[in-house]
PDB file of N, CA and C in Angstrom:
ATOM      1  N   MET A   1     -13.550 -14.243  17.601  1.00  0.00           N
ATOM      2  CA  MET A   1     -12.256 -14.195  18.362  1.00  0.00           C
ATOM      3  C   MET A   1     -11.813 -12.597  17.930  1.00  0.00           C
ATOM      4  N   ALA A   2     -11.197 -12.454  19.740  1.00  0.00           N
ATOM      5  CA  ALA A   2     -10.564 -11.108  19.244  1.00  0.00           C
ATOM      6  C   ALA A   2      -9.224 -11.423  18.756  1.00  0.00           C
ATOM      7  N   ALA A   3      -9.000  -9.918  18.290  1.00  0.00           N
ATOM      8  CA  ALA A   3      -7.461  -9.620  17.966  1.00  0.00           C
ATOM      9  C   ALA A   3      -6.504  -9.820  19.213  1.00  0.00           C
ATOM     10  N   PRO A   4      -5.388 -10.202  18.324  1.00  0.00           N
ATOM     11  CA  PRO A   4      -4.252  -9.920  20.228  1.00  0.00           C
ATOM     12  C   PRO A   4      -3.855  -8.902  20.443  1.00  0.00           C
ATOM     13  N   ARG A   5      -3.859  -8.838  21.649  1.00  0.00           N
ATOM     14  CA  ARG A   5      -3.125  -7.462  22.218  1.00  0.00           C
ATOM     15  C   ARG A   5      -2.079  -7.746  23.053  1.00  0.00           C
ATOM     16  N   GLY A   6      -1.351  -6.274  23.437  1.00  0.00           N
ATOM     17  CA  GLY A   6      -0.017  -6.303  24.178  1.00  0.00           C
ATOM     18  C   GLY A   6       0.671  -6.852  23.542  1.00  0.00           C
ATOM     19  N   GLU A   7       2.005  -7.542  24.195  1.00  0.00           N
ATOM     20  CA  GLU A   7       3.164  -8.035  23.521  1.00  0.00           C
ATOM     21  C   GLU A   7       3.040  -8.943  22.326  1.00  0.00           C
ATOM     22  N   ALA A   8       1.871  -9.739  22.510  1.00  0.00           N
ATOM     23  CA  ALA A   8       1.738 -10.805  21.585  1.00  0.00           C
ATOM     24  C   ALA A   8       1.100  -9.806  20.283  1.00  0.00           C
ATOM     25  N   ALA A   9       0.525  -8.903  19.936  1.00  0.00           N
ATOM     26  CA  ALA A   9       0.161  -7.835  18.422  1.00  0.00           C
ATOM     27  C   ALA A   9       1.269  -7.493  18.341  1.00  0.00           C
ATOM     28  N   VAL A  10       2.397  -7.082  19.110  1.00  0.00           N
ATOM     29  CA  VAL A  10       3.327  -6.340  18.928  1.00  0.00           C
ATOM     30  C   VAL A  10       4.504  -7.269  18.272  1.00  0.00           C
ATOM     31  N   ALA A  11       4.423  -8.164  18.611  1.00  0.00           N
ATOM     32  CA  ALA A  11       5.692  -9.192  17.908  1.00  0.00           C
ATOM     33  C   ALA A  11       5.670  -9.063  16.413  1.00  0.00           C
ATOM     34  N   PRO A  12       4.158  -9.846  15.586  1.00  0.00           N
ATOM     35  CA  PRO A  12       4.668  -9.571  14.479  1.00  0.00           C
ATOM     36  C   PRO A  12       5.020  -8.244  13.941  1.00  0.00           C
ATOM     37  N   PHE A  13       4.194  -7.104  14.024  1.00  0.00           N
ATOM     38  CA  PHE A  13       4.606  -6.291  13.896  1.00  0.00           C
ATOM     39  C   PHE A  13       6.326  -5.992  13.355  1.00  0.00           C
ATOM     40  N   GLY A  14       6.569  -5.912  15.040  1.00  0.00           N
ATOM     41  CA  GLY A  14       8.301  -5.655  15.216  1.00  0.00           C
ATOM     42  C   GLY A  14       8.965  -6.342  14.294  1.00  0.00           C
ATOM     43  N   VAL A  15       8.683  -7.307  13.995  1.00  0.00           N
ATOM     44  CA  VAL A  15       9.119  -8.463  13.125  1.00  0.00           C
ATOM     45  C   VAL A  15       9.140  -7.616  11.397  1.00  0.00           C
ATOM     46  N   TRP A  16       8.269  -7.113  11.134  1.00  0.00           N
ATOM     47  CA  TRP A  16       7.643  -6.853   9.972  1.00  0.00           C
ATOM     48  C   TRP A  16       8.419  -5.309   9.844  1.00  0.00           C
ATOM     49  N   LEU A  17       8.262  -4.700  10.808  1.00  0.00           N
ATOM     50  CA  LEU A  17       8.865  -2.956  10.594  1.00  0.00           C
ATOM     51  C   LEU A  17      10.677  -3.293  10.621  1.00  0.00           C
ATOM     52  N   SER A  18      10.977  -4.235  11.478  1.00  0.00           N
ATOM     53  CA  SER A  18      12.253  -4.509  11.306  1.00  0.00           C
ATOM     54  C   SER A  18      12.978  -4.567   9.731  1.00  0.00           C
ATOM     55  N   GLN A  19      12.400  -5.621   9.035  1.00  0.00           N
ATOM     56  CA  GLN A  19      12.869  -5.802   7.943  1.00  0.00           C
ATOM     57  C   GLN A  19      12.495  -4.738   7.027  1.00  0.00           C
ATOM     58  N   ARG A  20      11.198  -4.313   7.153  1.00  0.00           N
ATOM     59  CA  ARG A  20      10.874  -3.271   6.463  1.00  0.00           C
ATOM     60  C   ARG A  20      12.162  -2.416   6.352  1.00  0.00           C
ATOM     61  N   LEU A  21      12.547  -1.852   7.632  1.00  0.00           N
ATOM     62  CA  LEU A  21      13.176  -0.481   7.967  1.00  0.00           C
ATOM     63  C   LEU A  21      14.692  -0.921   7.367  1.00  0.00           C
ATOM     64  N   GLU A  22      15.260  -2.491   7.404  1.00  0.00           N
ATOM     65  CA  GLU A  22      16.253  -2.611   6.985  1.00  0.00           C
ATOM     66  C   GLU A  22      16.091  -2.493   5.225  1.00  0.00           C
ATOM     67  N   GLU A  23      15.238  -3.304   4.863  1.00  0.00           N
ATOM     68  CA  GLU A  23      15.104  -2.782   3.313  1.00  0.00           C
ATOM     69  C   GLU A  23      15.635  -1.469   2.412  1.00  0.00           C
ATOM     70  N   LEU A  24      14.435  -0.280   3.634  1.00  0.00           N
ATOM     71  CA  LEU A  24      14.656   0.411   3.414  1.00  0.00           C
ATOM     72  C   LEU A  24      16.428   1.379   3.721  1.00  0.00           C
ATOM     73  N   GLU A  25      17.492   0.397   4.226  1.00  0.00           N
ATOM     74  CA  GLU A  25      18.140   1.054   4.849  1.00  0.00           C
ATOM     75  C   GLU A  25      18.440   2.305   5.767  1.00  0.00           C
ATOM     76  N   ILE A  26      17.612   2.156   6.600  1.00  0.00           N
ATOM     77  CA  ILE A  26      17.264   2.424   8.074  1.00  0.00           C
ATOM     78  C   ILE A  26      17.585   2.197   9.153  1.00  0.00           C
ATOM     79  N   ASP A  27      18.740   2.786   9.970  1.00  0.00           N
ATOM     80  CA  ASP A  27      18.781   2.622  11.619  1.00  0.00           C
ATOM     81  C   ASP A  27      17.493   1.842  12.147  1.00  0.00           C
ATOM     82  N   GLU A  28      17.473   0.472  11.648  1.00  0.00           N
ATOM     83  CA  GLU A  28      15.754  -0.286  12.934  1.00  0.00           C
ATOM     84  C   GLU A  28      16.190  -0.436  14.322  1.00  0.00           C
ATOM     85  N   ASP A  29      17.734  -0.123  14.857  1.00  0.00           N
ATOM     86  CA  ASP A  29      17.699   0.149  16.100  1.00  0.00           C
ATOM     87  C   ASP A  29      17.610   1.349  16.482  1.00  0.00           C
ATOM     88  N   VAL A  30      17.815   2.191  16.153  1.00  0.00           N
ATOM     89  CA  VAL A  30      16.815   3.571  16.790  1.00  0.00           C
ATOM     90  C   VAL A  30      15.768   3.964  15.676  1.00  0.00           C
ATOM     91  N   TYR A  31      15.273   3.825  14.888  1.00  0.00           N
ATOM     92  CA  TYR A  31      13.813   4.017  14.437  1.00  0.00           C
ATOM     93  C   TYR A  31      12.879   2.915  14.497  1.00  0.00           C
ATOM     94  N   GLY A  32      13.192   1.695  14.853  1.00  0.00           N
ATOM     95  CA  GLY A  32      12.137   0.874  15.153  1.00  0.00           C
ATOM     96  C   GLY A  32      11.675   1.023  16.655  1.00  0.00           C
ATOM     97  N   SER A  33      13.110   1.471  17.432  1.00  0.00           N
ATOM     98  CA  SER A  33      12.744   1.553  18.995  1.00  0.00           C
ATOM     99  C   SER A  33      11.336   2.630  19.281  1.00  0.00           C
ATOM    100  N   TYR A  34      12.122   3.375  18.046  1.00  0.00           N
ATOM    101  CA  TYR A  34      11.270   5.169  18.492  1.00  0.00           C
ATOM    102  C   TYR A  34       9.797   5.090  17.893  1.00  0.00           C
ATOM    103  N   ILE A  35       9.954   4.120  16.874  1.00  0.00           N
ATOM    104  CA  ILE A  35       8.036   3.818  15.971  1.00  0.00           C
ATOM    105  C   ILE A  35       7.541   3.185  16.933  1.00  0.00           C
ATOM    106  N   ASN A  36       7.869   1.936  17.711  1.00  0.00           N
ATOM    107  CA  ASN A  36       7.098   1.256  18.090  1.00  0.00           C
ATOM    108  C   ASN A  36       7.045   1.925  19.934  1.00  0.00           C
ATOM    109  N   GLY A  37       7.737   2.926  20.221  1.00  0.00           N
ATOM    110  CA  GLY A  37       7.699   3.757  21.501  1.00  0.00           C
ATOM    111  C   GLY A  37       6.187   4.807  21.140  1.00  0.00           C
ATOM    112  N   ILE A  38       6.003   5.612  20.318  1.00  0.00           N
ATOM    113  CA  ILE A  38       5.097   6.065  19.826  1.00  0.00           C
ATOM    114  C   ILE A  38       4.119   5.301  19.553  1.00  0.00           C
ATOM    115  N   LEU A  39       4.059   4.474  18.884  1.00  0.00           N
ATOM    116  CA  LEU A  39       2.746   3.551  18.883  1.00  0.00           C
ATOM    117  C   LEU A  39       2.319   3.350  19.980  1.00  0.00           C
ATOM    118  N   ARG A  40       2.887   2.686  21.151  1.00  0.00           N
ATOM    119  CA  ARG A  40       2.597   2.271  22.196  1.00  0.00           C
ATOM    120  C   ARG A  40       2.289   3.332  23.311  1.00  0.00           C
ATOM    121  N   GLU A  41       3.117   4.625  23.197  1.00  0.00           N
ATOM    122  CA  GLU A  41       2.745   5.643  24.421  1.00  0.00           C
ATOM    123  C   GLU A  41       1.630   6.501  23.864  1.00  0.00           C
ATOM    124  N   GLU A  42       1.544   7.021  22.299  1.00  0.00           N
ATOM    125  CA  GLU A  42       0.848   8.106  21.845  1.00  0.00           C
ATOM    126  C   GLU A  42      -0.434   7.980  22.632  1.00  0.00           C
ATOM    127  N   GLU A  43      -1.424   8.586  23.113  1.00  0.00           N
ATOM    128  CA  GLU A  43      -2.935   8.005  23.129  1.00  0.00           C
ATOM    129  C   GLU A  43      -3.721   8.686  22.305  1.00  0.00           C
ATOM    130  N   ASN A  44      -3.491   9.913  21.983  1.00  0.00           N
ATOM    131  CA  ASN A  44      -4.448  10.538  20.731  1.00  0.00           C
ATOM    132  C   ASN A  44      -3.843  10.099  18.944  1.00  0.00           C
ATOM    133  N   GLU A  45      -4.886   9.262  18.892  1.00  0.00           N
ATOM    134  CA  GLU A  45      -4.424   8.614  17.133  1.00  0.00           C
ATOM    135  C   GLU A  45      -3.933  10.019  16.351  1.00  0.00           C
ATOM    136  N   GLU A  46      -4.361  10.878  16.200  1.00  0.00           N
ATOM    137  CA  GLU A  46      -3.657  12.340  15.390  1.00  0.00           C
ATOM    138  C   GLU A  46      -2.510  12.216  15.658  1.00  0.00           C
ATOM    139  N   GLU A  47      -2.364  12.237  17.050  1.00  0.00           N
ATOM    140  CA  GLU A  47      -0.736  12.815  17.501  1.00  0.00           C
ATOM    141  C   GLU A  47      -0.037  11.668  16.791  1.00  0.00           C
ATOM    142  N   LYS A  48      -0.124  10.544  17.242  1.00  0.00           N
ATOM    143  CA  LYS A  48       0.307   9.032  16.793  1.00  0.00           C
ATOM    144  C   LYS A  48       0.672   9.579  14.971  1.00  0.00           C
ATOM    145  N   SER A  49      -0.376   9.533  14.231  1.00  0.00           N
ATOM    146  CA  SER A  49       0.340   9.585  13.130  1.00  0.00           C
ATOM    147  C   SER A  49       0.600  11.098  12.385  1.00  0.00           C
ATOM    148  N   GLU A  50       0.626  12.088  12.966  1.00  0.00           N
ATOM    149  CA  GLU A  50       1.701  13.168  13.187  1.00  0.00           C
ATOM    150  C   GLU A  50       3.147  12.775  12.969  1.00  0.00           C
ATOM    151  N   ALA A  51       3.054  12.050  14.749  1.00  0.00           N
ATOM    152  CA  ALA A  51       4.313  11.905  15.008  1.00  0.00           C
ATOM    153  C   ALA A  51       5.433  11.002  13.999  1.00  0.00           C
ATOM    154  N   LEU A  52       4.104   9.626  13.457  1.00  0.00           N
ATOM    155  CA  LEU A  52       5.016   8.839  12.255  1.00  0.00           C
ATOM    156  C   LEU A  52       5.193   9.865  10.823  1.00  0.00           C
ATOM    157  N   GLN A  53       4.286  10.453  10.882  1.00  0.00           N
ATOM    158  CA  GLN A  53       4.885  10.832   9.122  1.00  0.00           C
ATOM    159  C   GLN A  53       5.934  12.003   9.325  1.00  0.00           C
ATOM    160  N   ALA A  54       6.132  12.670  10.533  1.00  0.00           N
ATOM    161  CA  ALA A  54       7.260  13.170  10.781  1.00  0.00           C
ATOM    162  C   ALA A  54       8.459  12.379  10.707  1.00  0.00           C
ATOM    163  N   ILE A  55       8.778  11.276  10.994  1.00  0.00           N
ATOM    164  CA  ILE A  55       9.891  10.558  11.413  1.00  0.00           C
ATOM    165  C   ILE A  55       9.961  10.159  10.029  1.00  0.00           C
ATOM    166  N   LEU A  56       8.939   9.405   9.002  1.00  0.00           N
ATOM    167  CA  LEU A  56       9.204   8.691   8.088  1.00  0.00           C
ATOM    168  C   LEU A  56       8.983   9.844   6.858  1.00  0.00           C
ATOM    169  N   SER A  57       8.541  10.741   6.659  1.00  0.00           N
ATOM    170  CA  SER A  57       9.067  11.530   5.329  1.00  0.00           C
ATOM    171  C   SER A  57      10.351  11.777   5.472  1.00  0.00           C
ATOM    172  N   ALA A  58      11.149  12.111   6.670  1.00  0.00           N
ATOM    173  CA  ALA A  58      13.037  12.138   6.352  1.00  0.00           C
ATOM    174  C   ALA A  58      13.555  11.158   6.074  1.00  0.00           C
ATOM    175  N   PHE A  59      12.357  10.238   4.984  1.00  0.00           N
ATOM    176  CA  PHE A  59      13.549   9.392   4.721  1.00  0.00           C
ATOM    177  C   PHE A  59      12.586   9.196   2.898  1.00  0.00           C
ATOM    178  N   MET A  60      11.345   9.858   2.917  1.00  0.00           N
ATOM    179  CA  MET A  60      11.267   9.834   1.436  1.00  0.00           C
ATOM    180  C   MET A  60      11.938  10.814   0.350  1.00  0.00           C
TER     181      MET A  60
END
């Protein structure tokens, strides 16, 4: 069976991301949308990784 793609695949991740950002007391409305946007729009895996690391390192 193939892995879910598109919006169906994003839904469980989106729920998890929202919960995790809330646990870390990070503004989910701002950063959740930003993180999801990077994951959807960046085509290069290295660029995705670098962008996500830059965002998340601000909270570590």
